[in-house]
Amino acid sequence: MIQQQLIMVETTVASEPVARRMAAVLIEKKVAACVNVEGPIESHYAWKGTVKADKEFIVRAKTTQARLLDCIEAIKKEHPYELPSILALPVIGANKPYADWVSEFVKK
């Protein structure tokens, strides 16, 4: 099997239940093979002329380059924020059996 480029897609949300729901949706739609929910963390950011600090949860999904846009669209659809942070980071190295599993799971 030719291994596809793995991608980690990350966003943050305000609550653990929202993060868990998003994780479940991404896996159900097969746009991510594995999703981690981490937190709470404290995020500091500028928004509409003020500096804010809020408790958030990180949602980190593992997918492939081929499914990246589908994964991002699924996140946007589920995301409650007006302007969500959605970052896609290339994975420069991975355990081959794990990478193959991710690729096979998210394959269309």
C-alpha atoms as a PDB file:
ATOM      1  CA  MET A   1       0.000   0.000   0.000  1.00  0.00           C
ATOM      2  CA  ILE A   2       1.259   3.480  -0.836  1.00  0.00           C
ATOM      3  CA  GLN A   3       1.051   5.597   2.282  1.00  0.00           C
ATOM      4  CA  GLN A   4      -0.775   8.906   1.869  1.00  0.00           C
ATOM      5  CA  GLN A   5       0.505  12.078   3.531  1.00  0.00           C
ATOM      6  CA  LEU A   6      -0.868  12.176   7.061  1.00  0.00           C
ATOM      7  CA  ILE A   7      -2.278  15.452   8.357  1.00  0.00           C
ATOM      8  CA  MET A   8      -3.210  16.556  11.876  1.00  0.00           C
ATOM      9  CA  VAL A   9      -6.117  18.977  11.934  1.00  0.00           C
ATOM     10  CA  GLU A  10      -6.572  20.976  15.117  1.00  0.00           C
ATOM     11  CA  THR A  11      -9.259  23.270  16.459  1.00  0.00           C
ATOM     12  CA  THR A  12     -10.443  24.495  19.848  1.00  0.00           C
ATOM     13  CA  VAL A  13     -13.923  24.677  21.343  1.00  0.00           C
ATOM     14  CA  ALA A  14     -15.364  26.063  24.561  1.00  0.00           C
ATOM     15  CA  SER A  15     -16.583  22.862  26.220  1.00  0.00           C
ATOM     16  CA  GLU A  16     -15.757  19.194  26.582  1.00  0.00           C
ATOM     17  CA  PRO A  17     -19.203  18.004  25.403  1.00  0.00           C
ATOM     18  CA  VAL A  18     -18.816  20.000  22.169  1.00  0.00           C
ATOM     19  CA  ALA A  19     -15.302  18.605  21.680  1.00  0.00           C
ATOM     20  CA  ARG A  20     -16.511  15.043  22.232  1.00  0.00           C
ATOM     21  CA  ARG A  21     -19.431  15.506  19.835  1.00  0.00           C
ATOM     22  CA  MET A  22     -17.101  16.897  17.177  1.00  0.00           C
ATOM     23  CA  ALA A  23     -14.720  13.954  17.650  1.00  0.00           C
ATOM     24  CA  ALA A  24     -17.580  11.489  17.213  1.00  0.00           C
ATOM     25  CA  VAL A  25     -18.854  13.228  14.069  1.00  0.00           C
ATOM     26  CA  LEU A  26     -15.409  13.290  12.440  1.00  0.00           C
ATOM     27  CA  ILE A  27     -14.991   9.556  13.011  1.00  0.00           C
ATOM     28  CA  GLU A  28     -18.583   8.720  11.984  1.00  0.00           C
ATOM     29  CA  LYS A  29     -18.087  10.621   8.717  1.00  0.00           C
ATOM     30  CA  LYS A  30     -14.767   8.809   8.218  1.00  0.00           C
ATOM     31  CA  VAL A  31     -12.884  12.068   7.690  1.00  0.00           C
ATOM     32  CA  ALA A  32     -10.588  11.256  10.624  1.00  0.00           C
ATOM     33  CA  ALA A  33      -9.417   7.901  11.946  1.00  0.00           C
ATOM     34  CA  CYS A  34      -8.515   9.115  15.428  1.00  0.00           C
ATOM     35  CA  VAL A  35      -9.418  12.276  17.331  1.00  0.00           C
ATOM     36  CA  ASN A  36      -7.877  13.444  20.596  1.00  0.00           C
ATOM     37  CA  VAL A  37      -9.683  15.755  22.988  1.00  0.00           C
ATOM     38  CA  GLU A  38      -7.398  17.618  25.368  1.00  0.00           C
ATOM     39  CA  GLY A  39      -8.032  20.171  28.044  1.00  0.00           C
ATOM     40  CA  PRO A  40      -9.017  22.280  29.550  1.00  0.00           C
ATOM     41  CA  ILE A  41      -6.398  24.714  28.317  1.00  0.00           C
ATOM     42  CA  GLU A  42      -6.332  28.476  28.614  1.00  0.00           C
ATOM     43  CA  SER A  43      -6.407  30.380  25.327  1.00  0.00           C
ATOM     44  CA  HIS A  44      -5.414  34.045  25.097  1.00  0.00           C
ATOM     45  CA  TYR A  45      -6.432  35.913  21.961  1.00  0.00           C
ATOM     46  CA  ALA A  46      -7.398  39.252  20.461  1.00  0.00           C
ATOM     47  CA  TRP A  47     -11.019  39.512  19.345  1.00  0.00           C
ATOM     48  CA  LYS A  48     -12.963  42.551  18.179  1.00  0.00           C
ATOM     49  CA  GLY A  49     -10.596  45.050  19.767  1.00  0.00           C
ATOM     50  CA  THR A  50     -10.096  43.346  23.116  1.00  0.00           C
ATOM     51  CA  VAL A  51      -7.759  40.751  24.552  1.00  0.00           C
ATOM     52  CA  LYS A  52      -9.548  37.735  25.977  1.00  0.00           C
ATOM     53  CA  ALA A  53      -8.679  34.590  27.906  1.00  0.00           C
ATOM     54  CA  ASP A  54     -10.990  31.589  27.939  1.00  0.00           C
ATOM     55  CA  LYS A  55     -10.990  27.942  28.922  1.00  0.00           C
ATOM     56  CA  GLU A  56     -11.051  25.743  25.820  1.00  0.00           C
ATOM     57  CA  PHE A  57     -10.586  22.153  24.694  1.00  0.00           C
ATOM     58  CA  ILE A  58      -8.345  21.055  21.825  1.00  0.00           C
ATOM     59  CA  VAL A  59      -9.751  18.719  19.183  1.00  0.00           C
ATOM     60  CA  ARG A  60      -6.923  17.096  17.203  1.00  0.00           C
ATOM     61  CA  ALA A  61      -7.861  14.839  14.278  1.00  0.00           C
ATOM     62  CA  LYS A  62      -5.645  12.510  12.236  1.00  0.00           C
ATOM     63  CA  THR A  63      -6.502  12.281   8.562  1.00  0.00           C
ATOM     64  CA  THR A  64      -4.839  12.253   5.131  1.00  0.00           C
ATOM     65  CA  GLN A  65      -4.135  14.914   2.546  1.00  0.00           C
ATOM     66  CA  ALA A  66      -6.842  13.357   0.360  1.00  0.00           C
ATOM     67  CA  ARG A  67      -9.494  13.826   3.080  1.00  0.00           C
ATOM     68  CA  LEU A  68      -8.256  17.165   4.456  1.00  0.00           C
ATOM     69  CA  LEU A  69     -10.896  19.391   2.861  1.00  0.00           C
ATOM     70  CA  ASP A  70     -13.681  17.002   3.907  1.00  0.00           C
ATOM     71  CA  CYS A  71     -12.347  17.026   7.473  1.00  0.00           C
ATOM     72  CA  ILE A  72     -12.180  20.830   7.543  1.00  0.00           C
ATOM     73  CA  GLU A  73     -15.718  21.132   6.168  1.00  0.00           C
ATOM     74  CA  ALA A  74     -17.035  18.718   8.800  1.00  0.00           C
ATOM     75  CA  ILE A  75     -15.343  20.755  11.533  1.00  0.00           C
ATOM     76  CA  LYS A  76     -16.807  24.007  10.163  1.00  0.00           C
ATOM     77  CA  LYS A  77     -20.284  22.470  10.074  1.00  0.00           C
ATOM     78  CA  GLU A  78     -20.076  21.377  13.730  1.00  0.00           C
ATOM     79  CA  HIS A  79     -18.151  24.358  15.081  1.00  0.00           C
ATOM     80  CA  PRO A  80     -20.080  26.852  17.232  1.00  0.00           C
ATOM     81  CA  TYR A  81     -17.571  29.728  16.879  1.00  0.00           C
ATOM     82  CA  GLU A  82     -18.049  32.657  14.515  1.00  0.00           C
ATOM     83  CA  LEU A  83     -14.396  32.351  13.450  1.00  0.00           C
ATOM     84  CA  PRO A  84     -12.958  28.962  14.401  1.00  0.00           C
ATOM     85  CA  SER A  85      -9.233  28.299  14.393  1.00  0.00           C
ATOM     86  CA  ILE A  86      -8.743  25.284  12.136  1.00  0.00           C
ATOM     87  CA  LEU A  87      -5.104  24.416  11.513  1.00  0.00           C
ATOM     88  CA  ALA A  88      -3.817  21.596   9.309  1.00  0.00           C
ATOM     89  CA  LEU A  89      -0.298  20.402  10.056  1.00  0.00           C
ATOM     90  CA  PRO A  90       1.626  17.877   7.936  1.00  0.00           C
ATOM     91  CA  VAL A  91       2.939  14.845   9.775  1.00  0.00           C
ATOM     92  CA  ILE A  92       6.595  14.475   8.840  1.00  0.00           C
ATOM     93  CA  GLY A  93       6.970  11.025  10.342  1.00  0.00           C
ATOM     94  CA  ALA A  94       4.704   8.272  11.644  1.00  0.00           C
ATOM     95  CA  ASN A  95       4.700   4.632  12.594  1.00  0.00           C
ATOM     96  CA  LYS A  96       3.955   2.965   9.218  1.00  0.00           C
ATOM     97  CA  PRO A  97       1.295   0.533  10.511  1.00  0.00           C
ATOM     98  CA  TYR A  98      -0.496   3.464  12.211  1.00  0.00           C
ATOM     99  CA  ALA A  99      -0.235   5.649   9.102  1.00  0.00           C
ATOM    100  CA  ASP A 100      -1.556   2.787   6.957  1.00  0.00           C
ATOM    101  CA  TRP A 101      -4.481   2.316   9.360  1.00  0.00           C
ATOM    102  CA  VAL A 102      -5.384   6.031   9.204  1.00  0.00           C
ATOM    103  CA  SER A 103      -5.146   5.992   5.397  1.00  0.00           C
ATOM    104  CA  GLU A 104      -7.287   2.886   5.093  1.00  0.00           C
ATOM    105  CA  PHE A 105      -9.953   4.140   7.539  1.00  0.00           C
ATOM    106  CA  VAL A 106     -10.499   7.520   5.860  1.00  0.00           C
ATOM    107  CA  LYS A 107     -10.257   6.194   2.278  1.00  0.00           C
ATOM    108  CA  LYS A 108     -13.306   7.138   0.184  1.00  0.00           C
END
